[in-house]
Protein backbone atom coordinates (compact mmCIF):
# COMPACT_ATOMS: atom_id res chain seq x y z
CA UNK A 1 0.00 0.00 0.00
CA UNK A 2 2.79 2.41 0.93
CA UNK A 3 4.40 2.12 -2.50
CA UNK A 4 1.33 3.33 -4.38
CA UNK A 5 1.64 7.05 -3.46
CA UNK A 6 5.32 6.93 -4.43
CA UNK A 7 4.49 5.29 -7.76
CA UNK A 8 1.78 7.85 -8.42
CA UNK A 9 4.20 10.68 -7.66
CA UNK A 10 6.78 9.16 -10.03
CA UNK A 11 4.35 9.01 -12.95
CA UNK A 12 3.09 12.52 -12.17
CA UNK A 13 6.67 13.83 -12.21
CA UNK A 14 7.42 12.13 -15.53
CA UNK A 15 4.20 13.47 -17.04
CA UNK A 16 5.00 17.00 -15.85
CA UNK A 17 8.53 16.89 -17.23
CA UNK A 18 7.32 15.61 -20.61
CA UNK A 19 4.63 18.30 -20.83
CA UNK A 20 7.09 21.03 -19.90
CA UNK A 21 9.56 19.82 -22.52
CA UNK A 22 6.87 19.77 -25.22
CA UNK A 23 5.73 23.27 -24.23
CA UNK A 24 9.31 24.57 -24.30
CA UNK A 25 9.67 23.34 -27.88
CA UNK A 26 6.64 25.29 -29.08
CA UNK A 27 7.13 28.17 -31.47
CA UNK A 28 6.36 31.68 -30.19
CA UNK A 29 4.12 33.49 -32.67
CA UNK A 30 3.37 37.12 -31.80
CA UNK A 31 1.08 39.31 -33.89
CA UNK A 32 1.30 43.08 -33.39
CA UNK A 33 -1.77 44.66 -34.92
CA UNK A 34 -4.34 47.44 -34.69
CA UNK A 35 -8.04 46.73 -34.91
CA UNK A 36 -9.02 48.96 -37.84
CA UNK A 37 -6.09 48.43 -40.18
CA UNK A 38 -7.75 46.64 -43.12
CA UNK A 39 -4.64 44.56 -43.75
CA UNK A 40 -4.55 43.41 -40.13
CA UNK A 41 -8.22 42.48 -40.42
CA UNK A 42 -7.63 40.56 -43.65
CA UNK A 43 -4.67 38.71 -42.14
CA UNK A 44 -6.51 37.72 -38.96
CA UNK A 45 -9.70 36.64 -40.74
CA UNK A 46 -8.26 34.89 -43.77
CA UNK A 47 -4.76 33.78 -42.79
CA UNK A 48 -4.02 33.72 -39.06
CA UNK A 49 -7.15 31.62 -38.50
CA UNK A 50 -5.20 28.77 -40.15
CA UNK A 51 -3.23 28.43 -36.92
CA UNK A 52 -6.20 26.40 -35.68
CA UNK A 53 -6.17 24.05 -38.70
CA UNK A 54 -4.50 20.65 -38.91
CA UNK A 55 -3.10 20.73 -35.40
CA UNK A 56 -0.79 23.72 -35.91
CA UNK A 57 -1.87 25.39 -32.65
CA UNK A 58 -0.44 22.38 -30.76
CA UNK A 59 3.09 23.65 -31.48
CA UNK A 60 2.39 27.39 -31.26
CA UNK A 61 2.29 29.88 -28.40
CA UNK A 62 0.12 32.53 -30.07
CA UNK A 63 0.02 36.07 -28.68
CA UNK A 64 -2.06 38.93 -30.04
CA UNK A 65 -0.88 42.45 -29.20
CA UNK A 66 -3.46 45.16 -30.03
CA UNK A 67 -1.51 48.40 -30.24
CA UNK A 68 0.07 48.68 -33.67
CA UNK A 69 1.03 52.15 -34.92
CA UNK A 70 -0.64 54.02 -32.05
CA UNK A 71 1.34 56.34 -29.78
CA UNK A 72 0.93 58.06 -26.43
CA UNK A 73 0.52 61.84 -26.39
CA UNK A 74 2.35 64.07 -23.93
CA UNK A 75 -0.82 64.29 -21.82
CA UNK A 76 -1.01 60.50 -21.57
CA UNK A 77 -3.89 60.08 -24.02
CA UNK A 78 -3.72 57.60 -26.89
CA UNK A 79 -3.56 58.53 -30.57
CA UNK A 80 -4.49 55.70 -32.91
CA UNK A 81 -3.85 55.52 -36.62
CA UNK A 82 -7.51 55.09 -37.55
CA UNK A 83 -8.99 57.39 -34.95
CA UNK A 84 -10.73 57.11 -31.55
CA UNK A 85 -12.80 54.07 -32.54
CA UNK A 86 -9.62 52.14 -33.10
CA UNK A 87 -8.31 53.17 -29.68
CA UNK A 88 -11.56 51.96 -28.15
CA UNK A 89 -11.51 48.61 -29.96
CA UNK A 90 -7.83 48.11 -29.17
CA UNK A 91 -8.74 48.47 -25.51
CA UNK A 92 -11.73 46.12 -25.89
CA UNK A 93 -9.43 43.51 -27.45
CA UNK A 94 -6.91 44.00 -24.66
CA UNK A 95 -9.63 43.53 -22.06
CA UNK A 96 -10.95 40.43 -23.84
CA UNK A 97 -7.47 38.89 -23.90
CA UNK A 98 -7.07 39.71 -20.20
CA UNK A 99 -10.48 38.35 -19.21
CA UNK A 100 -10.25 35.28 -21.42
CA UNK A 101 -6.55 34.33 -21.60
CA UNK A 102 -7.26 31.06 -23.45
CA UNK A 103 -6.24 31.96 -27.00
CA UNK A 104 -8.95 29.70 -28.43
CA UNK A 105 -11.56 31.88 -26.72
CA UNK A 106 -10.28 35.43 -27.23
CA UNK A 107 -9.27 34.72 -30.82
CA UNK A 108 -12.90 33.93 -31.70
CA UNK A 109 -13.94 37.37 -30.51
CA UNK A 110 -11.08 39.20 -32.24
CA UNK A 111 -11.73 37.25 -35.46
CA UNK A 112 -15.41 38.28 -35.32
CA UNK A 113 -14.60 41.99 -34.87
CA UNK A 114 -12.06 41.94 -37.71
CA UNK A 115 -14.53 40.16 -39.99
CA UNK A 116 -17.05 42.93 -39.36
CA UNK A 117 -14.33 45.47 -40.13
CA UNK A 118 -13.84 43.88 -43.54
CA UNK A 119 -17.60 43.76 -44.13
CA UNK A 120 -18.02 47.45 -43.13
CA UNK A 121 -20.40 46.38 -40.33
CA UNK A 122 -18.30 47.64 -37.45
CA UNK A 123 -21.33 49.02 -35.60
CA UNK A 124 -22.30 45.37 -34.94
CA UNK A 125 -19.11 44.48 -33.08
CA UNK A 126 -20.92 44.17 -29.74
CA UNK A 127 -22.66 41.06 -31.09
CA UNK A 128 -19.30 39.32 -31.22
CA UNK A 129 -19.49 38.50 -27.50
CA UNK A 130 -22.54 36.33 -28.12
CA UNK A 131 -21.16 34.98 -31.39
CA UNK A 132 -17.93 33.86 -29.70
CA UNK A 133 -19.65 32.57 -26.57
CA UNK A 134 -18.08 35.12 -24.21
CA UNK A 135 -19.55 37.31 -21.51
CA UNK A 136 -19.41 41.10 -21.66
CA UNK A 137 -16.89 41.58 -18.86
CA UNK A 138 -14.45 43.22 -21.33
CA UNK A 139 -16.87 46.13 -21.74
CA UNK A 140 -16.83 46.69 -17.97
CA UNK A 141 -13.03 46.45 -18.09
CA UNK A 142 -12.99 49.15 -20.78
CA UNK A 143 -15.45 51.45 -19.01
CA UNK A 144 -13.52 51.23 -15.73
CA UNK A 145 -10.36 52.34 -17.54
CA UNK A 146 -8.42 49.12 -17.12
CA UNK A 147 -8.16 48.81 -20.88
CA UNK A 148 -5.86 51.84 -20.86
CA UNK A 149 -3.61 50.15 -18.30
CA UNK A 150 -3.37 47.07 -20.50
CA UNK A 151 -2.74 49.18 -23.60
CA UNK A 152 0.11 51.02 -21.89
CA UNK A 153 1.78 47.65 -21.37
CA UNK A 154 1.24 46.71 -25.00
CA UNK A 155 2.58 50.11 -26.07
CA UNK A 156 5.75 49.52 -24.06
CA UNK A 157 6.18 46.02 -25.47
CA UNK A 158 5.67 47.22 -29.04
CA UNK A 159 8.07 50.11 -28.49
CA UNK A 160 10.77 47.73 -27.26
CA UNK A 161 10.69 45.47 -30.31
CA UNK A 162 14.15 44.85 -31.73
CA UNK A 163 14.27 45.49 -34.60
CA UNK A 164 11.52 48.10 -34.28
CA UNK A 165 8.26 47.40 -36.07
CA UNK A 166 7.90 49.24 -39.38
CA UNK A 167 4.23 48.55 -40.09
CA UNK A 168 1.32 46.32 -39.12
CA UNK A 169 0.56 43.52 -39.11
CA UNK A 170 4.00 42.87 -37.66
CA UNK A 171 4.45 39.14 -37.16
CA UNK A 172 7.29 37.72 -35.08
CA UNK A 173 8.29 34.04 -35.01
CA UNK A 174 10.62 33.09 -32.17
CA UNK A 175 11.68 36.74 -31.79
CA UNK A 176 12.38 37.07 -35.52
CA UNK A 177 10.11 39.38 -37.56
CA UNK A 178 9.00 37.91 -40.87
CA UNK A 179 8.41 41.37 -42.33
CA UNK A 180 5.94 41.53 -45.25
CA UNK A 181 6.00 37.74 -45.68
CA UNK A 182 3.51 37.50 -42.81
CA UNK A 183 0.88 35.64 -44.88
CA UNK A 184 3.40 32.81 -45.13
CA UNK A 185 3.58 32.47 -41.33
CA UNK A 186 2.68 28.76 -41.37
CA UNK A 187 5.86 27.89 -43.26
CA UNK A 188 7.93 30.06 -40.93
CA UNK A 189 6.40 28.39 -37.87
CA UNK A 190 6.97 24.90 -39.23
CA UNK A 191 10.57 25.70 -40.14
CA UNK A 192 11.17 27.09 -36.63
CA UNK A 193 9.68 24.05 -34.86
CA UNK A 194 12.39 21.70 -33.57
CA UNK A 195 10.20 19.22 -31.71
CA UNK A 196 9.14 15.73 -32.71
CA UNK A 197 5.33 16.06 -32.62
CA UNK A 198 5.05 17.55 -36.09
CA UNK A 199 1.42 18.46 -36.88
CA UNK A 200 -0.29 17.69 -40.16
CA UNK A 201 -0.13 21.38 -41.07
CA UNK A 202 3.67 21.10 -41.25
CA UNK A 203 3.86 17.62 -42.76
CA UNK A 204 1.86 18.84 -45.74
CA UNK A 205 4.33 21.65 -46.46
CA UNK A 206 7.52 21.56 -48.46
CA UNK A 207 9.92 23.45 -46.20
CA UNK A 208 12.50 24.43 -48.77
CA UNK A 209 13.89 27.92 -48.97
CA UNK A 210 12.42 28.11 -52.47
CA UNK A 211 8.89 27.44 -51.23
CA UNK A 212 9.31 30.04 -48.49
CA UNK A 213 10.46 32.62 -50.99
CA UNK A 214 7.74 31.99 -53.59
CA UNK A 215 4.69 31.16 -51.50
CA UNK A 216 3.61 34.81 -51.29
CA UNK A 217 4.68 38.05 -52.83
CA UNK A 218 4.97 41.08 -50.58
CA UNK A 219 1.74 41.60 -48.66
CA UNK A 220 0.07 45.01 -48.08
CA UNK A 221 0.56 46.69 -44.72
CA UNK A 222 -0.45 49.77 -42.72
CA UNK A 223 2.47 52.15 -42.31
CA UNK A 224 2.51 54.74 -39.52
CA UNK A 225 0.83 57.96 -40.65
CA UNK A 226 -1.59 56.40 -43.12
CA UNK A 227 -5.31 56.84 -42.41
CA UNK A 228 -8.43 55.01 -43.53
CA UNK A 229 -12.04 56.16 -43.11
CA UNK A 230 -14.13 53.50 -41.38
CA UNK A 231 -17.61 53.27 -39.90
CA UNK A 232 -17.85 54.80 -36.42
CA UNK A 233 -18.85 52.67 -33.44
CA UNK A 234 -19.15 53.05 -29.67
CA UNK A 235 -19.48 50.50 -26.85
C-alpha atoms as a PDB file:
ATOM      1  CA  UNK A   1       0.000   0.000   0.000  1.00  0.00           C
ATOM      2  CA  UNK A   2       2.795   2.406   0.926  1.00  0.00           C
ATOM      3  CA  UNK A   3       4.404   2.117  -2.500  1.00  0.00           C
ATOM      4  CA  UNK A   4       1.331   3.334  -4.378  1.00  0.00           C
ATOM      5  CA  UNK A   5       1.637   7.049  -3.459  1.00  0.00           C
ATOM      6  CA  UNK A   6       5.319   6.930  -4.425  1.00  0.00           C
ATOM      7  CA  UNK A   7       4.494   5.291  -7.763  1.00  0.00           C
ATOM      8  CA  UNK A   8       1.779   7.852  -8.424  1.00  0.00           C
ATOM      9  CA  UNK A   9       4.199  10.677  -7.659  1.00  0.00           C
ATOM     10  CA  UNK A  10       6.783   9.161 -10.026  1.00  0.00           C
ATOM     11  CA  UNK A  11       4.351   9.007 -12.949  1.00  0.00           C
ATOM     12  CA  UNK A  12       3.093  12.525 -12.167  1.00  0.00           C
ATOM     13  CA  UNK A  13       6.666  13.828 -12.207  1.00  0.00           C
ATOM     14  CA  UNK A  14       7.423  12.130 -15.533  1.00  0.00           C
ATOM     15  CA  UNK A  15       4.201  13.475 -17.041  1.00  0.00           C
ATOM     16  CA  UNK A  16       5.000  16.998 -15.848  1.00  0.00           C
ATOM     17  CA  UNK A  17       8.533  16.891 -17.232  1.00  0.00           C
ATOM     18  CA  UNK A  18       7.320  15.610 -20.613  1.00  0.00           C
ATOM     19  CA  UNK A  19       4.629  18.304 -20.829  1.00  0.00           C
ATOM     20  CA  UNK A  20       7.093  21.032 -19.895  1.00  0.00           C
ATOM     21  CA  UNK A  21       9.560  19.816 -22.517  1.00  0.00           C
ATOM     22  CA  UNK A  22       6.867  19.767 -25.221  1.00  0.00           C
ATOM     23  CA  UNK A  23       5.731  23.268 -24.234  1.00  0.00           C
ATOM     24  CA  UNK A  24       9.308  24.575 -24.304  1.00  0.00           C
ATOM     25  CA  UNK A  25       9.668  23.337 -27.883  1.00  0.00           C
ATOM     26  CA  UNK A  26       6.642  25.288 -29.077  1.00  0.00           C
ATOM     27  CA  UNK A  27       7.132  28.172 -31.467  1.00  0.00           C
ATOM     28  CA  UNK A  28       6.363  31.677 -30.192  1.00  0.00           C
ATOM     29  CA  UNK A  29       4.119  33.490 -32.665  1.00  0.00           C
ATOM     30  CA  UNK A  30       3.372  37.119 -31.797  1.00  0.00           C
ATOM     31  CA  UNK A  31       1.081  39.313 -33.895  1.00  0.00           C
ATOM     32  CA  UNK A  32       1.304  43.078 -33.390  1.00  0.00           C
ATOM     33  CA  UNK A  33      -1.773  44.663 -34.917  1.00  0.00           C
ATOM     34  CA  UNK A  34      -4.344  47.437 -34.691  1.00  0.00           C
ATOM     35  CA  UNK A  35      -8.037  46.732 -34.909  1.00  0.00           C
ATOM     36  CA  UNK A  36      -9.015  48.963 -37.837  1.00  0.00           C
ATOM     37  CA  UNK A  37      -6.087  48.427 -40.181  1.00  0.00           C
ATOM     38  CA  UNK A  38      -7.753  46.642 -43.120  1.00  0.00           C
ATOM     39  CA  UNK A  39      -4.636  44.557 -43.754  1.00  0.00           C
ATOM     40  CA  UNK A  40      -4.547  43.409 -40.130  1.00  0.00           C
ATOM     41  CA  UNK A  41      -8.220  42.482 -40.423  1.00  0.00           C
ATOM     42  CA  UNK A  42      -7.635  40.562 -43.650  1.00  0.00           C
ATOM     43  CA  UNK A  43      -4.672  38.710 -42.140  1.00  0.00           C
ATOM     44  CA  UNK A  44      -6.513  37.723 -38.960  1.00  0.00           C
ATOM     45  CA  UNK A  45      -9.698  36.644 -40.735  1.00  0.00           C
ATOM     46  CA  UNK A  46      -8.260  34.892 -43.773  1.00  0.00           C
ATOM     47  CA  UNK A  47      -4.756  33.784 -42.787  1.00  0.00           C
ATOM     48  CA  UNK A  48      -4.025  33.722 -39.059  1.00  0.00           C
ATOM     49  CA  UNK A  49      -7.146  31.623 -38.501  1.00  0.00           C
ATOM     50  CA  UNK A  50      -5.205  28.771 -40.153  1.00  0.00           C
ATOM     51  CA  UNK A  51      -3.227  28.428 -36.919  1.00  0.00           C
ATOM     52  CA  UNK A  52      -6.200  26.396 -35.680  1.00  0.00           C
ATOM     53  CA  UNK A  53      -6.175  24.053 -38.696  1.00  0.00           C
ATOM     54  CA  UNK A  54      -4.502  20.646 -38.912  1.00  0.00           C
ATOM     55  CA  UNK A  55      -3.099  20.730 -35.398  1.00  0.00           C
ATOM     56  CA  UNK A  56      -0.790  23.720 -35.907  1.00  0.00           C
ATOM     57  CA  UNK A  57      -1.875  25.387 -32.655  1.00  0.00           C
ATOM     58  CA  UNK A  58      -0.438  22.381 -30.763  1.00  0.00           C
ATOM     59  CA  UNK A  59       3.092  23.650 -31.483  1.00  0.00           C
ATOM     60  CA  UNK A  60       2.394  27.388 -31.261  1.00  0.00           C
ATOM     61  CA  UNK A  61       2.292  29.884 -28.401  1.00  0.00           C
ATOM     62  CA  UNK A  62       0.118  32.529 -30.067  1.00  0.00           C
ATOM     63  CA  UNK A  63       0.024  36.070 -28.682  1.00  0.00           C
ATOM     64  CA  UNK A  64      -2.058  38.925 -30.042  1.00  0.00           C
ATOM     65  CA  UNK A  65      -0.877  42.450 -29.196  1.00  0.00           C
ATOM     66  CA  UNK A  66      -3.462  45.155 -30.034  1.00  0.00           C
ATOM     67  CA  UNK A  67      -1.510  48.403 -30.242  1.00  0.00           C
ATOM     68  CA  UNK A  68       0.066  48.683 -33.672  1.00  0.00           C
ATOM     69  CA  UNK A  69       1.032  52.148 -34.918  1.00  0.00           C
ATOM     70  CA  UNK A  70      -0.643  54.022 -32.049  1.00  0.00           C
ATOM     71  CA  UNK A  71       1.339  56.338 -29.776  1.00  0.00           C
ATOM     72  CA  UNK A  72       0.930  58.061 -26.425  1.00  0.00           C
ATOM     73  CA  UNK A  73       0.520  61.843 -26.386  1.00  0.00           C
ATOM     74  CA  UNK A  74       2.351  64.072 -23.934  1.00  0.00           C
ATOM     75  CA  UNK A  75      -0.820  64.292 -21.819  1.00  0.00           C
ATOM     76  CA  UNK A  76      -1.008  60.496 -21.573  1.00  0.00           C
ATOM     77  CA  UNK A  77      -3.891  60.075 -24.016  1.00  0.00           C
ATOM     78  CA  UNK A  78      -3.715  57.598 -26.894  1.00  0.00           C
ATOM     79  CA  UNK A  79      -3.557  58.530 -30.573  1.00  0.00           C
ATOM     80  CA  UNK A  80      -4.488  55.697 -32.914  1.00  0.00           C
ATOM     81  CA  UNK A  81      -3.850  55.522 -36.624  1.00  0.00           C
ATOM     82  CA  UNK A  82      -7.506  55.086 -37.551  1.00  0.00           C
ATOM     83  CA  UNK A  83      -8.994  57.388 -34.949  1.00  0.00           C
ATOM     84  CA  UNK A  84     -10.732  57.111 -31.553  1.00  0.00           C
ATOM     85  CA  UNK A  85     -12.805  54.072 -32.539  1.00  0.00           C
ATOM     86  CA  UNK A  86      -9.619  52.136 -33.096  1.00  0.00           C
ATOM     87  CA  UNK A  87      -8.312  53.168 -29.680  1.00  0.00           C
ATOM     88  CA  UNK A  88     -11.555  51.958 -28.145  1.00  0.00           C
ATOM     89  CA  UNK A  89     -11.506  48.614 -29.956  1.00  0.00           C
ATOM     90  CA  UNK A  90      -7.827  48.111 -29.174  1.00  0.00           C
ATOM     91  CA  UNK A  91      -8.743  48.467 -25.507  1.00  0.00           C
ATOM     92  CA  UNK A  92     -11.729  46.121 -25.894  1.00  0.00           C
ATOM     93  CA  UNK A  93      -9.434  43.509 -27.455  1.00  0.00           C
ATOM     94  CA  UNK A  94      -6.907  43.998 -24.658  1.00  0.00           C
ATOM     95  CA  UNK A  95      -9.634  43.532 -22.057  1.00  0.00           C
ATOM     96  CA  UNK A  96     -10.946  40.434 -23.843  1.00  0.00           C
ATOM     97  CA  UNK A  97      -7.473  38.887 -23.899  1.00  0.00           C
ATOM     98  CA  UNK A  98      -7.069  39.705 -20.201  1.00  0.00           C
ATOM     99  CA  UNK A  99     -10.484  38.352 -19.206  1.00  0.00           C
ATOM    100  CA  UNK A 100     -10.248  35.275 -21.419  1.00  0.00           C
ATOM    101  CA  UNK A 101      -6.547  34.327 -21.600  1.00  0.00           C
ATOM    102  CA  UNK A 102      -7.261  31.063 -23.447  1.00  0.00           C
ATOM    103  CA  UNK A 103      -6.242  31.962 -26.999  1.00  0.00           C
ATOM    104  CA  UNK A 104      -8.945  29.701 -28.433  1.00  0.00           C
ATOM    105  CA  UNK A 105     -11.555  31.879 -26.718  1.00  0.00           C
ATOM    106  CA  UNK A 106     -10.283  35.427 -27.230  1.00  0.00           C
ATOM    107  CA  UNK A 107      -9.268  34.720 -30.821  1.00  0.00           C
ATOM    108  CA  UNK A 108     -12.901  33.930 -31.702  1.00  0.00           C
ATOM    109  CA  UNK A 109     -13.943  37.371 -30.514  1.00  0.00           C
ATOM    110  CA  UNK A 110     -11.082  39.197 -32.244  1.00  0.00           C
ATOM    111  CA  UNK A 111     -11.729  37.254 -35.458  1.00  0.00           C
ATOM    112  CA  UNK A 112     -15.406  38.284 -35.319  1.00  0.00           C
ATOM    113  CA  UNK A 113     -14.601  41.989 -34.871  1.00  0.00           C
ATOM    114  CA  UNK A 114     -12.064  41.944 -37.710  1.00  0.00           C
ATOM    115  CA  UNK A 115     -14.526  40.156 -39.991  1.00  0.00           C
ATOM    116  CA  UNK A 116     -17.049  42.927 -39.361  1.00  0.00           C
ATOM    117  CA  UNK A 117     -14.330  45.469 -40.131  1.00  0.00           C
ATOM    118  CA  UNK A 118     -13.841  43.880 -43.544  1.00  0.00           C
ATOM    119  CA  UNK A 119     -17.605  43.764 -44.127  1.00  0.00           C
ATOM    120  CA  UNK A 120     -18.019  47.451 -43.130  1.00  0.00           C
ATOM    121  CA  UNK A 121     -20.398  46.383 -40.332  1.00  0.00           C
ATOM    122  CA  UNK A 122     -18.305  47.636 -37.452  1.00  0.00           C
ATOM    123  CA  UNK A 123     -21.325  49.022 -35.603  1.00  0.00           C
ATOM    124  CA  UNK A 124     -22.300  45.373 -34.944  1.00  0.00           C
ATOM    125  CA  UNK A 125     -19.106  44.483 -33.078  1.00  0.00           C
ATOM    126  CA  UNK A 126     -20.922  44.166 -29.738  1.00  0.00           C
ATOM    127  CA  UNK A 127     -22.662  41.065 -31.094  1.00  0.00           C
ATOM    128  CA  UNK A 128     -19.298  39.320 -31.217  1.00  0.00           C
ATOM    129  CA  UNK A 129     -19.488  38.504 -27.500  1.00  0.00           C
ATOM    130  CA  UNK A 130     -22.541  36.330 -28.122  1.00  0.00           C
ATOM    131  CA  UNK A 131     -21.157  34.975 -31.390  1.00  0.00           C
ATOM    132  CA  UNK A 132     -17.929  33.864 -29.697  1.00  0.00           C
ATOM    133  CA  UNK A 133     -19.651  32.570 -26.566  1.00  0.00           C
ATOM    134  CA  UNK A 134     -18.082  35.115 -24.210  1.00  0.00           C
ATOM    135  CA  UNK A 135     -19.547  37.310 -21.507  1.00  0.00           C
ATOM    136  CA  UNK A 136     -19.414  41.099 -21.658  1.00  0.00           C
ATOM    137  CA  UNK A 137     -16.891  41.580 -18.858  1.00  0.00           C
ATOM    138  CA  UNK A 138     -14.447  43.216 -21.325  1.00  0.00           C
ATOM    139  CA  UNK A 139     -16.874  46.131 -21.742  1.00  0.00           C
ATOM    140  CA  UNK A 140     -16.829  46.686 -17.966  1.00  0.00           C
ATOM    141  CA  UNK A 141     -13.033  46.449 -18.089  1.00  0.00           C
ATOM    142  CA  UNK A 142     -12.993  49.150 -20.777  1.00  0.00           C
ATOM    143  CA  UNK A 143     -15.446  51.450 -19.005  1.00  0.00           C
ATOM    144  CA  UNK A 144     -13.520  51.228 -15.731  1.00  0.00           C
ATOM    145  CA  UNK A 145     -10.358  52.341 -17.539  1.00  0.00           C
ATOM    146  CA  UNK A 146      -8.416  49.119 -17.118  1.00  0.00           C
ATOM    147  CA  UNK A 147      -8.156  48.807 -20.883  1.00  0.00           C
ATOM    148  CA  UNK A 148      -5.862  51.837 -20.859  1.00  0.00           C
ATOM    149  CA  UNK A 149      -3.609  50.155 -18.300  1.00  0.00           C
ATOM    150  CA  UNK A 150      -3.366  47.073 -20.503  1.00  0.00           C
ATOM    151  CA  UNK A 151      -2.738  49.178 -23.595  1.00  0.00           C
ATOM    152  CA  UNK A 152       0.113  51.022 -21.887  1.00  0.00           C
ATOM    153  CA  UNK A 153       1.783  47.648 -21.367  1.00  0.00           C
ATOM    154  CA  UNK A 154       1.240  46.708 -24.999  1.00  0.00           C
ATOM    155  CA  UNK A 155       2.580  50.106 -26.074  1.00  0.00           C
ATOM    156  CA  UNK A 156       5.753  49.521 -24.055  1.00  0.00           C
ATOM    157  CA  UNK A 157       6.181  46.024 -25.474  1.00  0.00           C
ATOM    158  CA  UNK A 158       5.666  47.224 -29.043  1.00  0.00           C
ATOM    159  CA  UNK A 159       8.072  50.108 -28.488  1.00  0.00           C
ATOM    160  CA  UNK A 160      10.769  47.727 -27.258  1.00  0.00           C
ATOM    161  CA  UNK A 161      10.688  45.471 -30.309  1.00  0.00           C
ATOM    162  CA  UNK A 162      14.149  44.854 -31.734  1.00  0.00           C
ATOM    163  CA  UNK A 163      14.272  45.487 -34.604  1.00  0.00           C
ATOM    164  CA  UNK A 164      11.515  48.105 -34.276  1.00  0.00           C
ATOM    165  CA  UNK A 165       8.258  47.401 -36.074  1.00  0.00           C
ATOM    166  CA  UNK A 166       7.898  49.242 -39.385  1.00  0.00           C
ATOM    167  CA  UNK A 167       4.231  48.550 -40.090  1.00  0.00           C
ATOM    168  CA  UNK A 168       1.319  46.322 -39.117  1.00  0.00           C
ATOM    169  CA  UNK A 169       0.560  43.516 -39.113  1.00  0.00           C
ATOM    170  CA  UNK A 170       4.005  42.868 -37.659  1.00  0.00           C
ATOM    171  CA  UNK A 171       4.449  39.136 -37.161  1.00  0.00           C
ATOM    172  CA  UNK A 172       7.286  37.721 -35.079  1.00  0.00           C
ATOM    173  CA  UNK A 173       8.290  34.043 -35.012  1.00  0.00           C
ATOM    174  CA  UNK A 174      10.622  33.091 -32.169  1.00  0.00           C
ATOM    175  CA  UNK A 175      11.678  36.738 -31.789  1.00  0.00           C
ATOM    176  CA  UNK A 176      12.385  37.075 -35.518  1.00  0.00           C
ATOM    177  CA  UNK A 177      10.114  39.381 -37.565  1.00  0.00           C
ATOM    178  CA  UNK A 178       9.003  37.910 -40.867  1.00  0.00           C
ATOM    179  CA  UNK A 179       8.409  41.372 -42.334  1.00  0.00           C
ATOM    180  CA  UNK A 180       5.939  41.533 -45.246  1.00  0.00           C
ATOM    181  CA  UNK A 181       6.005  37.741 -45.681  1.00  0.00           C
ATOM    182  CA  UNK A 182       3.507  37.499 -42.812  1.00  0.00           C
ATOM    183  CA  UNK A 183       0.884  35.644 -44.879  1.00  0.00           C
ATOM    184  CA  UNK A 184       3.402  32.808 -45.135  1.00  0.00           C
ATOM    185  CA  UNK A 185       3.576  32.475 -41.331  1.00  0.00           C
ATOM    186  CA  UNK A 186       2.679  28.757 -41.370  1.00  0.00           C
ATOM    187  CA  UNK A 187       5.864  27.891 -43.260  1.00  0.00           C
ATOM    188  CA  UNK A 188       7.934  30.055 -40.927  1.00  0.00           C
ATOM    189  CA  UNK A 189       6.399  28.392 -37.866  1.00  0.00           C
ATOM    190  CA  UNK A 190       6.969  24.900 -39.234  1.00  0.00           C
ATOM    191  CA  UNK A 191      10.566  25.700 -40.136  1.00  0.00           C
ATOM    192  CA  UNK A 192      11.173  27.092 -36.631  1.00  0.00           C
ATOM    193  CA  UNK A 193       9.680  24.055 -34.859  1.00  0.00           C
ATOM    194  CA  UNK A 194      12.393  21.700 -33.569  1.00  0.00           C
ATOM    195  CA  UNK A 195      10.202  19.224 -31.713  1.00  0.00           C
ATOM    196  CA  UNK A 196       9.143  15.725 -32.711  1.00  0.00           C
ATOM    197  CA  UNK A 197       5.329  16.064 -32.619  1.00  0.00           C
ATOM    198  CA  UNK A 198       5.047  17.550 -36.094  1.00  0.00           C
ATOM    199  CA  UNK A 199       1.416  18.460 -36.878  1.00  0.00           C
ATOM    200  CA  UNK A 200      -0.293  17.692 -40.159  1.00  0.00           C
ATOM    201  CA  UNK A 201      -0.133  21.383 -41.071  1.00  0.00           C
ATOM    202  CA  UNK A 202       3.666  21.097 -41.252  1.00  0.00           C
ATOM    203  CA  UNK A 203       3.858  17.617 -42.758  1.00  0.00           C
ATOM    204  CA  UNK A 204       1.860  18.842 -45.738  1.00  0.00           C
ATOM    205  CA  UNK A 205       4.330  21.653 -46.457  1.00  0.00           C
ATOM    206  CA  UNK A 206       7.518  21.559 -48.458  1.00  0.00           C
ATOM    207  CA  UNK A 207       9.921  23.446 -46.205  1.00  0.00           C
ATOM    208  CA  UNK A 208      12.496  24.425 -48.765  1.00  0.00           C
ATOM    209  CA  UNK A 209      13.891  27.916 -48.975  1.00  0.00           C
ATOM    210  CA  UNK A 210      12.420  28.106 -52.475  1.00  0.00           C
ATOM    211  CA  UNK A 211       8.891  27.438 -51.227  1.00  0.00           C
ATOM    212  CA  UNK A 212       9.309  30.036 -48.488  1.00  0.00           C
ATOM    213  CA  UNK A 213      10.456  32.616 -50.991  1.00  0.00           C
ATOM    214  CA  UNK A 214       7.738  31.985 -53.588  1.00  0.00           C
ATOM    215  CA  UNK A 215       4.688  31.160 -51.496  1.00  0.00           C
ATOM    216  CA  UNK A 216       3.611  34.806 -51.290  1.00  0.00           C
ATOM    217  CA  UNK A 217       4.679  38.047 -52.827  1.00  0.00           C
ATOM    218  CA  UNK A 218       4.973  41.083 -50.578  1.00  0.00           C
ATOM    219  CA  UNK A 219       1.739  41.601 -48.658  1.00  0.00           C
ATOM    220  CA  UNK A 220       0.068  45.007 -48.085  1.00  0.00           C
ATOM    221  CA  UNK A 221       0.558  46.694 -44.717  1.00  0.00           C
ATOM    222  CA  UNK A 222      -0.451  49.769 -42.720  1.00  0.00           C
ATOM    223  CA  UNK A 223       2.474  52.146 -42.313  1.00  0.00           C
ATOM    224  CA  UNK A 224       2.511  54.736 -39.516  1.00  0.00           C
ATOM    225  CA  UNK A 225       0.831  57.960 -40.646  1.00  0.00           C
ATOM    226  CA  UNK A 226      -1.591  56.399 -43.122  1.00  0.00           C
ATOM    227  CA  UNK A 227      -5.310  56.837 -42.407  1.00  0.00           C
ATOM    228  CA  UNK A 228      -8.429  55.009 -43.534  1.00  0.00           C
ATOM    229  CA  UNK A 229     -12.036  56.160 -43.112  1.00  0.00           C
ATOM    230  CA  UNK A 230     -14.131  53.505 -41.381  1.00  0.00           C
ATOM    231  CA  UNK A 231     -17.608  53.266 -39.903  1.00  0.00           C
ATOM    232  CA  UNK A 232     -17.847  54.800 -36.420  1.00  0.00           C
ATOM    233  CA  UNK A 233     -18.846  52.670 -33.438  1.00  0.00           C
ATOM    234  CA  UNK A 234     -19.146  53.046 -29.669  1.00  0.00           C
ATOM    235  CA  UNK A 235     -19.478  50.500 -26.851  1.00  0.00           C
END
